[in-house]
Amino acid sequence: MGRRISAERHLIDLVRAAADVMSHEGFDRATTRRVAEAAGASQAAFHSAFRDMQEPLVAVAEANADGSAP
């Protein structure tokens, strides 16, 4: 049986993947599909965590600002 990953773990993985994709490809070229793939998640998982690509960008910026970057 597969192991279930917590919603918090999915969120952390997606934020890390978003940071990685955006840093390597730029915000304009980062897509929800690419971030989901990089996180090992589905696009549905991405969209259950975020409405659009701006939300993970904000999460990355906030984490960097308070020193808790993933």
PDB file of N, CA and C in Angstrom:
ATOM      1  N   MET A   1       0.826  -1.193   0.000  1.00  0.00           N
ATOM      2  CA  MET A   1       0.000   0.000   0.000  1.00  0.00           C
ATOM      3  C   MET A   1       0.866   1.250   0.000  1.00  0.00           C
ATOM      4  N   GLY A   2       0.412   2.273  -0.713  1.00  0.00           N
ATOM      5  CA  GLY A   2       1.134   3.538  -0.767  1.00  0.00           C
ATOM      6  C   GLY A   2       1.024   4.296   0.535  1.00  0.00           C
ATOM      7  N   ARG A   3       1.978   5.130   0.760  1.00  0.00           N
ATOM      8  CA  ARG A   3       2.000   5.937   1.969  1.00  0.00           C
ATOM      9  C   ARG A   3       1.316   7.267   1.701  1.00  0.00           C
ATOM     10  N   ARG A   4       0.406   7.649   2.560  1.00  0.00           N
ATOM     11  CA  ARG A   4      -0.271   8.939   2.409  1.00  0.00           C
ATOM     12  C   ARG A   4       0.631  10.046   2.934  1.00  0.00           C
ATOM     13  N   ILE A   5       0.680  11.120   2.194  1.00  0.00           N
ATOM     14  CA  ILE A   5       1.479  12.267   2.601  1.00  0.00           C
ATOM     15  C   ILE A   5       0.521  13.333   3.106  1.00  0.00           C
ATOM     16  N   SER A   6       0.887  13.969   4.196  1.00  0.00           N
ATOM     17  CA  SER A   6       0.019  14.972   4.795  1.00  0.00           C
ATOM     18  C   SER A   6      -0.136  16.181   3.869  1.00  0.00           C
ATOM     19  N   ALA A   7      -1.217  16.908   4.073  1.00  0.00           N
ATOM     20  CA  ALA A   7      -1.467  18.121   3.295  1.00  0.00           C
ATOM     21  C   ALA A   7      -0.345  19.126   3.513  1.00  0.00           C
ATOM     22  N   GLU A   8       0.160  19.203   4.734  1.00  0.00           N
ATOM     23  CA  GLU A   8       1.259  20.131   5.026  1.00  0.00           C
ATOM     24  C   GLU A   8       2.512  19.748   4.243  1.00  0.00           C
ATOM     25  N   ARG A   9       2.798  18.458   4.164  1.00  0.00           N
ATOM     26  CA  ARG A   9       3.964  17.981   3.408  1.00  0.00           C
ATOM     27  C   ARG A   9       3.809  18.303   1.922  1.00  0.00           C
ATOM     28  N   HIS A  10       2.590  18.103   1.380  1.00  0.00           N
ATOM     29  CA  HIS A  10       2.329  18.450  -0.021  1.00  0.00           C
ATOM     30  C   HIS A  10       2.569  19.938  -0.251  1.00  0.00           C
ATOM     31  N   LEU A  11       2.094  20.759   0.668  1.00  0.00           N
ATOM     32  CA  LEU A  11       2.252  22.200   0.540  1.00  0.00           C
ATOM     33  C   LEU A  11       3.733  22.582   0.543  1.00  0.00           C
ATOM     34  N   ILE A  12       4.490  22.020   1.467  1.00  0.00           N
ATOM     35  CA  ILE A  12       5.932  22.297   1.535  1.00  0.00           C
ATOM     36  C   ILE A  12       6.613  21.857   0.242  1.00  0.00           C
ATOM     37  N   ASP A  13       6.282  20.671  -0.235  1.00  0.00           N
ATOM     38  CA  ASP A  13       6.874  20.172  -1.482  1.00  0.00           C
ATOM     39  C   ASP A  13       6.524  21.074  -2.660  1.00  0.00           C
ATOM     40  N   LEU A  14       5.293  21.525  -2.717  1.00  0.00           N
ATOM     41  CA  LEU A  14       4.872  22.397  -3.820  1.00  0.00           C
ATOM     42  C   LEU A  14       5.560  23.752  -3.754  1.00  0.00           C
ATOM     43  N   VAL A  15       5.700  24.310  -2.567  1.00  0.00           N
ATOM     44  CA  VAL A  15       6.378  25.606  -2.428  1.00  0.00           C
ATOM     45  C   VAL A  15       7.851  25.474  -2.810  1.00  0.00           C
ATOM     46  N   ARG A  16       8.488  24.413  -2.357  1.00  0.00           N
ATOM     47  CA  ARG A  16       9.894  24.182  -2.733  1.00  0.00           C
ATOM     48  C   ARG A  16      10.027  24.023  -4.244  1.00  0.00           C
ATOM     49  N   ALA A  17       9.137  23.242  -4.837  1.00  0.00           N
ATOM     50  CA  ALA A  17       9.181  23.040  -6.281  1.00  0.00           C
ATOM     51  C   ALA A  17       8.936  24.348  -7.018  1.00  0.00           C
ATOM     52  N   ALA A  18       7.989  25.138  -6.541  1.00  0.00           N
ATOM     53  CA  ALA A  18       7.711  26.432  -7.171  1.00  0.00           C
ATOM     54  C   ALA A  18       8.938  27.329  -7.117  1.00  0.00           C
ATOM     55  N   ALA A  19       9.603  27.368  -5.969  1.00  0.00           N
ATOM     56  CA  ALA A  19      10.819  28.178  -5.841  1.00  0.00           C
ATOM     57  C   ALA A  19      11.882  27.707  -6.817  1.00  0.00           C
ATOM     58  N   ASP A  20      12.047  26.407  -6.930  1.00  0.00           N
ATOM     59  CA  ASP A  20      13.050  25.844  -7.830  1.00  0.00           C
ATOM     60  C   ASP A  20      12.721  26.140  -9.290  1.00  0.00           C
ATOM     61  N   VAL A  21      11.487  25.882  -9.671  1.00  0.00           N
ATOM     62  CA  VAL A  21      11.087  26.110 -11.067  1.00  0.00           C
ATOM     63  C   VAL A  21      11.198  27.591 -11.413  1.00  0.00           C
ATOM     64  N   MET A  22      10.706  28.455 -10.534  1.00  0.00           N
ATOM     65  CA  MET A  22      10.763  29.890 -10.816  1.00  0.00           C
ATOM     66  C   MET A  22      12.201  30.398 -10.876  1.00  0.00           C
ATOM     67  N   SER A  23      13.075  29.860 -10.033  1.00  0.00           N
ATOM     68  CA  SER A  23      14.457  30.337 -10.042  1.00  0.00           C
ATOM     69  C   SER A  23      15.206  29.870 -11.285  1.00  0.00           C
ATOM     70  N   HIS A  24      14.847  28.699 -11.806  1.00  0.00           N
ATOM     71  CA  HIS A  24      15.531  28.180 -12.992  1.00  0.00           C
ATOM     72  C   HIS A  24      14.893  28.620 -14.305  1.00  0.00           C
ATOM     73  N   GLU A  25      13.578  28.792 -14.315  1.00  0.00           N
ATOM     74  CA  GLU A  25      12.876  29.086 -15.563  1.00  0.00           C
ATOM     75  C   GLU A  25      12.258  30.474 -15.601  1.00  0.00           C
ATOM     76  N   GLY A  26      12.224  31.162 -14.460  1.00  0.00           N
ATOM     77  CA  GLY A  26      11.589  32.466 -14.382  1.00  0.00           C
ATOM     78  C   GLY A  26      10.101  32.343 -14.107  1.00  0.00           C
ATOM     79  N   PHE A  27       9.553  33.354 -13.463  1.00  0.00           N
ATOM     80  CA  PHE A  27       8.136  33.311 -13.098  1.00  0.00           C
ATOM     81  C   PHE A  27       7.249  33.194 -14.327  1.00  0.00           C
ATOM     82  N   ASP A  28       7.581  33.938 -15.380  1.00  0.00           N
ATOM     83  CA  ASP A  28       6.736  33.943 -16.572  1.00  0.00           C
ATOM     84  C   ASP A  28       6.679  32.587 -17.270  1.00  0.00           C
ATOM     85  N   ARG A  29       7.704  31.774 -17.113  1.00  0.00           N
ATOM     86  CA  ARG A  29       7.731  30.469 -17.783  1.00  0.00           C
ATOM     87  C   ARG A  29       7.308  29.326 -16.854  1.00  0.00           C
ATOM     88  N   ALA A  30       7.203  29.606 -15.578  1.00  0.00           N
ATOM     89  CA  ALA A  30       6.780  28.571 -14.619  1.00  0.00           C
ATOM     90  C   ALA A  30       5.284  28.318 -14.791  1.00  0.00           C
ATOM     91  N   THR A  31       4.925  27.060 -14.887  1.00  0.00           N
ATOM     92  CA  THR A  31       3.515  26.701 -15.046  1.00  0.00           C
ATOM     93  C   THR A  31       3.090  25.807 -13.883  1.00  0.00           C
ATOM     94  N   THR A  32       1.794  25.736 -13.675  1.00  0.00           N
ATOM     95  CA  THR A  32       1.283  24.862 -12.624  1.00  0.00           C
ATOM     96  C   THR A  32       1.669  23.415 -12.915  1.00  0.00           C
ATOM     97  N   ARG A  33       1.638  23.038 -14.183  1.00  0.00           N
ATOM     98  CA  ARG A  33       2.010  21.674 -14.575  1.00  0.00           C
ATOM     99  C   ARG A  33       3.468  21.395 -14.215  1.00  0.00           C
ATOM    100  N   ARG A  34       4.345  22.331 -14.545  1.00  0.00           N
ATOM    101  CA  ARG A  34       5.779  22.149 -14.290  1.00  0.00           C
ATOM    102  C   ARG A  34       6.059  22.084 -12.789  1.00  0.00           C
ATOM    103  N   VAL A  35       5.418  22.931 -12.006  1.00  0.00           N
ATOM    104  CA  VAL A  35       5.619  22.924 -10.549  1.00  0.00           C
ATOM    105  C   VAL A  35       5.110  21.613  -9.971  1.00  0.00           C
ATOM    106  N   ALA A  36       3.933  21.173 -10.396  1.00  0.00           N
ATOM    107  CA  ALA A  36       3.387  19.909  -9.902  1.00  0.00           C
ATOM    108  C   ALA A  36       4.318  18.756 -10.233  1.00  0.00           C
ATOM    109  N   GLU A  37       4.819  18.714 -11.471  1.00  0.00           N
ATOM    110  CA  GLU A  37       5.752  17.652 -11.862  1.00  0.00           C
ATOM    111  C   GLU A  37       7.010  17.675 -10.993  1.00  0.00           C
ATOM    112  N   ALA A  38       7.551  18.850 -10.761  1.00  0.00           N
ATOM    113  CA  ALA A  38       8.768  18.980  -9.960  1.00  0.00           C
ATOM    114  C   ALA A  38       8.545  18.537  -8.519  1.00  0.00           C
ATOM    115  N   ALA A  39       7.311  18.684  -8.042  1.00  0.00           N
ATOM    116  CA  ALA A  39       6.977  18.285  -6.670  1.00  0.00           C
ATOM    117  C   ALA A  39       6.553  16.825  -6.588  1.00  0.00           C
ATOM    118  N   GLY A  40       6.424  16.176  -7.741  1.00  0.00           N
ATOM    119  CA  GLY A  40       5.939  14.796  -7.746  1.00  0.00           C
ATOM    120  C   GLY A  40       4.467  14.721  -7.393  1.00  0.00           C
ATOM    121  N   ALA A  41       3.722  15.754  -7.773  1.00  0.00           N
ATOM    122  CA  ALA A  41       2.303  15.842  -7.440  1.00  0.00           C
ATOM    123  C   ALA A  41       1.496  16.024  -8.722  1.00  0.00           C
ATOM    124  N   SER A  42       0.203  15.927  -8.586  1.00  0.00           N
ATOM    125  CA  SER A  42      -0.686  16.160  -9.717  1.00  0.00           C
ATOM    126  C   SER A  42      -1.040  17.642  -9.797  1.00  0.00           C
ATOM    127  N   GLN A  43      -1.553  18.043 -10.955  1.00  0.00           N
ATOM    128  CA  GLN A  43      -2.036  19.420 -11.061  1.00  0.00           C
ATOM    129  C   GLN A  43      -3.214  19.646 -10.123  1.00  0.00           C
ATOM    130  N   ALA A  44      -4.000  18.613  -9.890  1.00  0.00           N
ATOM    131  CA  ALA A  44      -5.119  18.735  -8.946  1.00  0.00           C
ATOM    132  C   ALA A  44      -4.596  19.060  -7.547  1.00  0.00           C
ATOM    133  N   ALA A  45      -3.481  18.440  -7.160  1.00  0.00           N
ATOM    134  CA  ALA A  45      -2.889  18.732  -5.845  1.00  0.00           C
ATOM    135  C   ALA A  45      -2.421  20.181  -5.790  1.00  0.00           C
ATOM    136  N   PHE A  46      -1.820  20.648  -6.899  1.00  0.00           N
ATOM    137  CA  PHE A  46      -1.395  22.051  -6.944  1.00  0.00           C
ATOM    138  C   PHE A  46      -2.594  22.963  -6.737  1.00  0.00           C
ATOM    139  N   HIS A  47      -3.662  22.702  -7.497  1.00  0.00           N
ATOM    140  CA  HIS A  47      -4.829  23.582  -7.440  1.00  0.00           C
ATOM    141  C   HIS A  47      -5.638  23.435  -6.153  1.00  0.00           C
ATOM    142  N   SER A  48      -5.435  22.367  -5.417  1.00  0.00           N
ATOM    143  CA  SER A  48      -6.086  22.287  -4.110  1.00  0.00           C
ATOM    144  C   SER A  48      -5.326  23.113  -3.082  1.00  0.00           C
ATOM    145  N   ALA A  49      -4.050  23.387  -3.364  1.00  0.00           N
ATOM    146  CA  ALA A  49      -3.235  24.184  -2.451  1.00  0.00           C
ATOM    147  C   ALA A  49      -3.203  25.667  -2.839  1.00  0.00           C
ATOM    148  N   PHE A  50      -3.237  25.943  -4.139  1.00  0.00           N
ATOM    149  CA  PHE A  50      -3.098  27.313  -4.643  1.00  0.00           C
ATOM    150  C   PHE A  50      -4.112  27.585  -5.742  1.00  0.00           C
ATOM    151  N   ARG A  51      -4.545  28.830  -5.832  1.00  0.00           N
ATOM    152  CA  ARG A  51      -5.475  29.225  -6.893  1.00  0.00           C
ATOM    153  C   ARG A  51      -4.752  29.494  -8.205  1.00  0.00           C
ATOM    154  N   ASP A  52      -3.506  30.014  -8.097  1.00  0.00           N
ATOM    155  CA  ASP A  52      -2.753  30.391  -9.295  1.00  0.00           C
ATOM    156  C   ASP A  52      -1.269  30.407  -8.954  1.00  0.00           C
ATOM    157  N   MET A  53      -0.431  30.772  -9.907  1.00  0.00           N
ATOM    158  CA  MET A  53       1.021  30.766  -9.694  1.00  0.00           C
ATOM    159  C   MET A  53       1.481  31.897  -8.779  1.00  0.00           C
ATOM    160  N   GLN A  54       0.666  32.918  -8.601  1.00  0.00           N
ATOM    161  CA  GLN A  54       1.058  34.006  -7.708  1.00  0.00           C
ATOM    162  C   GLN A  54       1.092  33.560  -6.250  1.00  0.00           C
ATOM    163  N   GLU A  55       0.200  32.669  -5.859  1.00  0.00           N
ATOM    164  CA  GLU A  55       0.155  32.232  -4.467  1.00  0.00           C
ATOM    165  C   GLU A  55       1.436  31.534  -4.011  1.00  0.00           C
ATOM    166  N   PRO A  56       1.998  30.587  -4.778  1.00  0.00           N
ATOM    167  CA  PRO A  56       3.260  30.011  -4.319  1.00  0.00           C
ATOM    168  C   PRO A  56       4.396  31.027  -4.357  1.00  0.00           C
ATOM    169  N   LEU A  57       4.350  31.983  -5.290  1.00  0.00           N
ATOM    170  CA  LEU A  57       5.359  33.039  -5.317  1.00  0.00           C
ATOM    171  C   LEU A  57       5.318  33.842  -4.016  1.00  0.00           C
ATOM    172  N   VAL A  58       4.129  34.184  -3.579  1.00  0.00           N
ATOM    173  CA  VAL A  58       3.966  34.915  -2.319  1.00  0.00           C
ATOM    174  C   VAL A  58       4.457  34.061  -1.151  1.00  0.00           C
ATOM    175  N   ALA A  59       4.135  32.774  -1.157  1.00  0.00           N
ATOM    176  CA  ALA A  59       4.579  31.875  -0.079  1.00  0.00           C
ATOM    177  C   ALA A  59       6.103  31.806  -0.023  1.00  0.00           C
ATOM    178  N   VAL A  60       6.761  31.753  -1.178  1.00  0.00           N
ATOM    179  CA  VAL A  60       8.224  31.723  -1.226  1.00  0.00           C
ATOM    180  C   VAL A  60       8.779  33.039  -0.699  1.00  0.00           C
ATOM    181  N   ALA A  61       8.230  34.160  -1.137  1.00  0.00           N
ATOM    182  CA  ALA A  61       8.699  35.467  -0.695  1.00  0.00           C
ATOM    183  C   ALA A  61       8.525  35.647   0.811  1.00  0.00           C
ATOM    184  N   GLU A  62       7.385  35.221   1.348  1.00  0.00           N
ATOM    185  CA  GLU A  62       7.138  35.339   2.783  1.00  0.00           C
ATOM    186  C   GLU A  62       8.090  34.453   3.578  1.00  0.00           C
ATOM    187  N   ALA A  63       8.336  33.248   3.086  1.00  0.00           N
ATOM    188  CA  ALA A  63       9.257  32.346   3.783  1.00  0.00           C
ATOM    189  C   ALA A  63      10.670  32.906   3.776  1.00  0.00           C
ATOM    190  N   ASN A  64      11.074  33.513   2.672  1.00  0.00           N
ATOM    191  CA  ASN A  64      12.411  34.125   2.609  1.00  0.00           C
ATOM    192  C   ASN A  64      12.500  35.332   3.528  1.00  0.00           C
ATOM    193  N   ALA A  65      11.430  36.094   3.610  1.00  0.00           N
ATOM    194  CA  ALA A  65      11.431  37.300   4.434  1.00  0.00           C
ATOM    195  C   ALA A  65      11.530  36.988   5.922  1.00  0.00           C
ATOM    196  N   ASP A  66      10.892  35.900   6.351  1.00  0.00           N
ATOM    197  CA  ASP A  66      10.943  35.575   7.784  1.00  0.00           C
ATOM    198  C   ASP A  66      11.988  34.523   8.137  1.00  0.00           C
ATOM    199  N   GLY A  67      12.783  34.120   7.142  1.00  0.00           N
ATOM    200  CA  GLY A  67      13.872  33.191   7.402  1.00  0.00           C
ATOM    201  C   GLY A  67      13.468  31.730   7.485  1.00  0.00           C
ATOM    202  N   SER A  68      12.254  31.407   7.096  1.00  0.00           N
ATOM    203  CA  SER A  68      11.799  30.017   7.175  1.00  0.00           C
ATOM    204  C   SER A  68      11.670  29.387   5.800  1.00  0.00           C
ATOM    205  N   ALA A  69      12.451  29.875   4.847  1.00  0.00           N
ATOM    206  CA  ALA A  69      12.359  29.361   3.473  1.00  0.00           C
ATOM    207  C   ALA A  69      12.525  27.857   3.451  1.00  0.00           C
ATOM    208  N   PRO A  70      11.661  27.203   2.668  1.00  0.00           N
ATOM    209  CA  PRO A  70      11.723  25.742   2.600  1.00  0.00           C
ATOM    210  C   PRO A  70      12.980  25.260   1.897  1.00  0.00           C
TER     211      PRO A  70
END
